Structure formats: C-alpha cells, structure tokens
Amino acid sequence: MDLLGSILKSMDKPPSVNEKQKALMKKQQEEYQKRQRAEAEKLKVFRQKIEEEINKFLQDDNMKKHKFSAMDQIHRSIVHDVAEVANVLAYSFGEEGVDRYIMIFKREHAPSEDHLNTLRKGEEWSEEVAKRLKKERENKAKEEAEYAKSRKRKENFVPNSYYKDKYQHLIGKEAALEAARKTEANSSYGCVPSENKKDQRSIEQTLADIRAKKRKLETNNETSSCSDNSTK
C-alpha cells in the first residue's frame, strides 16, 4: 500500500485550469450561443418573409406559379415547410450548390409531367413547348398503334388456298389429300418426312417401271390408230 502511494505521488498531476483560462472558455461559449441566437433570428425573419410572399401569391388570381431565387438547402427546407402549410405545390430545380431554386404552383394549376421534365432539364416552359411535346407524344402513340396493328395482321394471316385445294384439279382429290397428309410438319425432320425425300426403288425396278409405262403408252397409241382406221 505504501508502494502504491509512492507511485501515485510520483506521477504528474493534470494541469489545473486557472481563472484566466476559465474566463476565456466562458467567453467562447457565450459567443457561440450568441451566434446561434442570431442565426435563429435570421431564419425566423426569412420564414416570415416567405410566408408573406406566398400569401401574396395566393391572393393574386392572375398568378399560377411563382419562382424563388436560388438558395441553400436550409432556406429551401423553410420554403417547402411554409408551402406545405399554405397548401401549395413546391418543386426544386437546378443544380445543388450552383443554382438550385424552388418554384411553387397553385393546386388548381398543377404542372404536367412534361412541364416538370422541361424545368428539370433547365429549359424554359412555354405554350410552344407544350404543343411540340404533345405532337411528339401523339406521333409516338400512332407509330406504336400501327406497329401493333401490323403484328396482329401477321398473326391472323390466313392463306388464300391450301395445297390440296390448289392441286386437286391436276392430281385428283384423293391424291391431293394424301400429299397434304404426307407434307404435314414432322418433329424430327421438318415439314417433309424423311422417307419422302428420296426414291426408295432400286435402279433395276425404276428402269422396269419406265419400260412398262412406255409399252403401255405404245399399246394405247396402236389401239387408238386401229380404231381410227376401222372408222374410215
């Protein structure tokens, strides 16, 4: 215990605050509070000014909107608060720290989305701009309607004739039906079955069929010639 006491006594004691330092700290604190009160008073005066400006705006039937000068975020927050209490619409435009400002509108003259987008781009709003944007929107809607109509026509397209109807006067109704059946879609090989893509007969059988058809044709010609001679 004596050892601990001797160690504590040997340690440096914290510097004491003299009366002069205390007075300096007190003065700094008073100056800070004074600046705070002055700033609060300035903001109070600013709020009163905004309230008067918005009341004047509401009482003027010819005014539909009102633009405030550029200001910092603290002052804009006061304008938004007063506008909300006064039941008017308030929007901020411009770049923060450069030219950010607030514009208020009476609710019966609320801005359109085109109006707001134009102001957000930093452009001036006018009747000419409104007409131009309306025309562009109408043209776009017309193009989309034409495109949808074109797609619908393609989806509902019906061919004028079918394979069996088109060729039945040449190959017969039954043959046309059979041809149409064989050319139906095949999940493995496409529209034409693989067995239809090549002649399954051998060369000898093909030559034999050709000779048979030739003999039949010659026989028919001879029979026709005999009939003509007998008639004469």
Protein backbone atom coordinates (compact mmCIF):
# COMPACT_ATOMS: atom_id res chain seq x y z
CA MET A 1 0.00 0.00 0.00
CA ASP A 2 2.91 2.35 0.76
CA LEU A 3 4.44 1.39 -2.60
CA LEU A 4 1.22 2.30 -4.48
CA GLY A 5 1.01 5.60 -2.64
CA SER A 6 4.57 6.49 -3.54
CA ILE A 7 3.91 5.67 -7.22
CA LEU A 8 0.82 7.89 -7.32
CA LYS A 9 2.66 10.75 -5.71
CA SER A 10 5.48 10.48 -8.25
CA MET A 11 3.04 10.78 -11.22
CA ASP A 12 2.47 14.18 -12.81
CA LYS A 13 -0.76 15.81 -11.80
CA PRO A 14 -3.12 17.14 -14.55
CA PRO A 15 -2.61 20.82 -15.23
CA SER A 16 -5.00 22.98 -13.33
CA VAL A 17 -7.28 25.47 -15.13
CA ASN A 18 -6.55 28.92 -13.92
CA GLU A 19 -9.06 31.73 -13.73
CA LYS A 20 -7.89 33.29 -16.99
CA GLN A 21 -8.48 30.10 -18.97
CA LYS A 22 -11.88 29.67 -17.36
CA ALA A 23 -12.87 33.16 -18.38
CA LEU A 24 -11.71 32.52 -21.97
CA MET A 25 -13.74 29.30 -22.24
CA LYS A 26 -16.80 31.03 -20.83
CA LYS A 27 -16.45 33.87 -23.33
CA GLN A 28 -16.15 31.43 -26.26
CA GLN A 29 -19.26 29.61 -25.10
CA GLU A 30 -21.21 32.86 -24.84
CA GLU A 31 -20.10 33.93 -28.33
CA TYR A 32 -21.20 30.57 -29.78
CA GLN A 33 -24.62 30.84 -28.17
CA LYS A 34 -24.89 34.42 -29.39
CA ARG A 35 -24.18 33.35 -32.98
CA GLN A 36 -26.77 30.60 -32.68
CA ARG A 37 -29.40 33.05 -31.47
CA ALA A 38 -28.53 35.46 -34.28
CA GLU A 39 -28.78 32.70 -36.89
CA ALA A 40 -32.10 31.54 -35.46
CA GLU A 41 -33.39 35.10 -35.61
CA LYS A 42 -32.30 35.42 -39.25
CA LEU A 43 -34.11 32.19 -40.16
CA LYS A 44 -37.18 33.42 -38.31
CA VAL A 45 -37.16 36.66 -40.29
CA PHE A 46 -36.62 34.68 -43.51
CA ARG A 47 -39.61 32.45 -42.71
CA GLN A 48 -41.82 35.48 -42.11
CA LYS A 49 -40.72 36.90 -45.45
CA ILE A 50 -41.57 33.63 -47.25
CA GLU A 51 -44.96 33.47 -45.56
CA GLU A 52 -45.76 37.00 -46.77
CA GLU A 53 -44.53 36.16 -50.28
CA ILE A 54 -46.65 33.00 -50.52
CA ASN A 55 -49.73 34.76 -49.08
CA LYS A 56 -49.36 37.46 -51.70
CA PHE A 57 -49.07 34.77 -54.36
CA LEU A 58 -52.27 33.07 -53.18
CA GLN A 59 -54.24 36.31 -53.15
CA ASP A 60 -53.32 37.18 -56.74
CA ASP A 61 -55.77 35.37 -59.04
CA ASN A 62 -53.60 36.09 -62.09
CA MET A 63 -50.59 34.22 -60.70
CA LYS A 64 -50.44 30.47 -61.38
CA LYS A 65 -46.82 29.91 -60.34
CA HIS A 66 -44.02 31.73 -58.54
CA LYS A 67 -40.27 31.23 -58.76
CA PHE A 68 -37.96 31.91 -55.79
CA SER A 69 -34.34 32.90 -56.19
CA ALA A 70 -31.60 30.29 -55.75
CA MET A 71 -30.86 29.42 -52.10
CA ASP A 72 -29.13 26.83 -49.94
CA GLN A 73 -30.68 23.69 -48.52
CA ILE A 74 -31.61 25.16 -45.10
CA HIS A 75 -33.56 28.04 -46.63
CA ARG A 76 -35.21 25.73 -49.19
CA SER A 77 -36.42 23.49 -46.38
CA ILE A 78 -38.17 26.52 -44.82
CA VAL A 79 -39.82 27.37 -48.16
CA HIS A 80 -41.06 23.78 -48.54
CA ASP A 81 -42.42 23.83 -44.99
CA VAL A 82 -44.29 27.11 -45.50
CA ALA A 83 -45.62 25.90 -48.88
CA GLU A 84 -46.96 22.71 -47.29
CA VAL A 85 -48.73 24.71 -44.58
CA ALA A 86 -50.19 27.04 -47.26
CA ASN A 87 -51.34 24.01 -49.32
CA VAL A 88 -49.41 24.91 -52.47
CA LEU A 89 -47.21 22.66 -54.62
CA ALA A 90 -43.45 23.23 -54.37
CA TYR A 91 -40.72 21.72 -56.60
CA SER A 92 -36.95 22.20 -56.59
CA PHE A 93 -34.98 22.62 -59.82
CA GLY A 94 -31.38 23.37 -60.77
CA GLU A 95 -28.02 22.06 -59.57
CA GLU A 96 -27.23 21.79 -55.88
CA GLY A 97 -24.72 24.39 -54.74
CA VAL A 98 -24.98 26.28 -58.04
CA ASP A 99 -28.49 27.44 -58.96
CA ARG A 100 -30.90 25.26 -57.00
CA TYR A 101 -34.22 27.08 -56.64
CA ILE A 102 -37.90 26.42 -55.77
CA MET A 103 -40.99 27.08 -57.85
CA ILE A 104 -44.48 26.93 -56.33
CA PHE A 105 -47.80 26.27 -58.09
CA LYS A 106 -51.40 26.67 -57.06
CA ARG A 107 -53.08 23.27 -56.85
CA GLU A 108 -55.71 24.19 -59.43
CA HIS A 109 -52.84 24.93 -61.83
CA ALA A 110 -50.68 21.90 -61.08
CA PRO A 111 -47.88 21.40 -63.65
CA SER A 112 -47.95 18.47 -66.06
CA GLU A 113 -45.19 15.89 -66.21
CA ASP A 114 -43.93 17.48 -69.44
CA HIS A 115 -43.78 20.85 -67.68
CA LEU A 116 -41.77 19.45 -64.77
CA ASN A 117 -39.41 17.48 -67.02
CA THR A 118 -38.72 20.59 -69.10
CA LEU A 119 -37.84 22.61 -65.99
CA ARG A 120 -35.66 19.79 -64.66
CA LYS A 121 -33.67 19.94 -67.89
CA GLY A 122 -33.05 23.64 -67.27
CA GLU A 123 -35.26 24.71 -70.18
CA GLU A 124 -37.99 27.32 -70.23
CA TRP A 125 -41.62 26.20 -70.36
CA SER A 126 -44.00 27.78 -72.88
CA GLU A 127 -47.13 27.04 -74.88
CA GLU A 128 -44.99 26.28 -77.93
CA VAL A 129 -43.01 23.70 -75.98
CA ALA A 130 -46.27 22.16 -74.70
CA LYS A 131 -47.64 21.86 -78.25
CA ARG A 132 -44.41 20.34 -79.55
CA LEU A 133 -44.26 17.71 -76.81
CA LYS A 134 -47.93 16.88 -77.28
CA LYS A 135 -47.38 16.39 -81.02
CA GLU A 136 -44.37 14.16 -80.38
CA ARG A 137 -46.37 12.08 -77.92
CA GLU A 138 -49.26 11.71 -80.38
CA ASN A 139 -46.89 10.63 -83.19
CA LYS A 140 -45.26 8.08 -80.92
CA ALA A 141 -48.65 6.67 -79.91
CA LYS A 142 -49.66 6.47 -83.57
CA GLU A 143 -46.49 4.61 -84.51
CA GLU A 144 -46.98 2.13 -81.66
CA ALA A 145 -50.60 1.56 -82.72
CA GLU A 146 -49.55 0.95 -86.35
CA TYR A 147 -46.86 -1.48 -85.23
CA ALA A 148 -49.32 -3.40 -83.03
CA LYS A 149 -51.84 -3.49 -85.88
CA SER A 150 -49.20 -4.81 -88.29
CA ARG A 151 -48.19 -7.57 -85.87
CA LYS A 152 -51.82 -8.56 -85.39
CA ARG A 153 -52.33 -8.85 -89.17
CA LYS A 154 -49.33 -11.18 -89.42
CA GLU A 155 -50.55 -13.34 -86.54
CA ASN A 156 -54.06 -13.64 -88.03
CA PHE A 157 -52.87 -14.27 -91.63
CA VAL A 158 -54.86 -16.99 -93.44
CA PRO A 159 -53.57 -18.30 -96.82
CA ASN A 160 -55.88 -17.90 -99.83
CA SER A 161 -55.72 -21.61 -100.65
CA TYR A 162 -54.34 -24.86 -99.28
CA TYR A 163 -52.15 -27.39 -101.02
CA LYS A 164 -54.91 -29.96 -101.52
CA ASP A 165 -57.33 -27.35 -102.90
CA LYS A 166 -54.74 -25.82 -105.22
CA TYR A 167 -53.65 -29.03 -106.93
CA GLN A 168 -56.66 -31.32 -106.71
CA HIS A 169 -57.71 -30.44 -110.30
CA LEU A 170 -54.32 -31.79 -111.51
CA ILE A 171 -53.68 -34.84 -109.34
CA GLY A 172 -57.17 -35.64 -108.05
CA LYS A 173 -58.79 -35.07 -104.74
CA GLU A 174 -57.60 -38.28 -103.07
CA ALA A 175 -54.02 -37.80 -104.23
CA ALA A 176 -54.09 -34.19 -103.05
CA LEU A 177 -55.32 -35.27 -99.63
CA GLU A 178 -52.59 -37.88 -99.43
CA ALA A 179 -49.92 -35.35 -100.48
CA ALA A 180 -51.15 -32.86 -97.93
CA ARG A 181 -51.07 -35.53 -95.23
CA LYS A 182 -47.50 -36.54 -96.06
CA THR A 183 -46.24 -32.96 -96.03
CA GLU A 184 -47.51 -32.20 -92.52
CA ALA A 185 -44.89 -30.99 -90.04
CA ASN A 186 -42.60 -33.69 -88.69
CA SER A 187 -40.94 -33.00 -85.35
CA SER A 188 -37.82 -34.90 -86.33
CA TYR A 189 -37.23 -33.94 -89.97
CA GLY A 190 -39.15 -30.74 -90.70
CA CYS A 191 -42.12 -30.28 -93.00
CA VAL A 192 -41.39 -33.29 -95.28
CA PRO A 193 -40.98 -36.81 -93.83
CA SER A 194 -37.54 -38.28 -94.43
CA GLU A 195 -38.97 -41.20 -96.39
CA ASN A 196 -40.40 -38.73 -98.94
CA LYS A 197 -37.04 -37.11 -99.57
CA LYS A 198 -35.64 -39.90 -101.80
CA ASP A 199 -36.88 -42.60 -104.18
CA GLN A 200 -36.94 -45.92 -102.34
CA ARG A 201 -36.90 -48.04 -105.55
CA SER A 202 -33.78 -49.75 -106.89
CA ILE A 203 -32.30 -48.81 -110.27
CA GLU A 204 -33.49 -52.05 -111.88
CA GLN A 205 -37.06 -51.53 -110.61
CA THR A 206 -37.07 -47.91 -111.77
CA LEU A 207 -35.95 -48.93 -115.31
CA ALA A 208 -38.54 -51.69 -115.37
CA ASP A 209 -41.30 -49.24 -114.41
CA ILE A 210 -40.21 -46.83 -117.13
CA ARG A 211 -40.24 -49.59 -119.78
CA ALA A 212 -43.66 -50.73 -118.62
CA LYS A 213 -45.08 -47.25 -118.92
CA LYS A 214 -43.53 -46.91 -122.41
CA ARG A 215 -45.07 -50.21 -123.58
CA LYS A 216 -48.45 -49.20 -122.17
CA LEU A 217 -48.25 -45.86 -123.99
CA GLU A 218 -47.33 -47.60 -127.29
CA THR A 219 -50.20 -50.08 -126.86
CA ASN A 220 -52.65 -47.25 -126.26
CA ASN A 221 -51.40 -45.46 -129.36
CA GLU A 222 -51.76 -48.60 -131.53
CA THR A 223 -55.27 -49.24 -130.23
CA SER A 224 -56.22 -45.66 -130.97
CA SER A 225 -54.79 -45.93 -134.51
CA CYS A 226 -56.72 -49.14 -135.26
CA SER A 227 -59.92 -47.56 -134.12
CA ASP A 228 -59.40 -44.63 -136.46
CA ASN A 229 -58.73 -46.93 -139.49
CA SER A 230 -61.79 -49.04 -138.86
CA THR A 231 -63.94 -45.96 -138.70
CA LYS A 232 -62.67 -44.81 -142.06
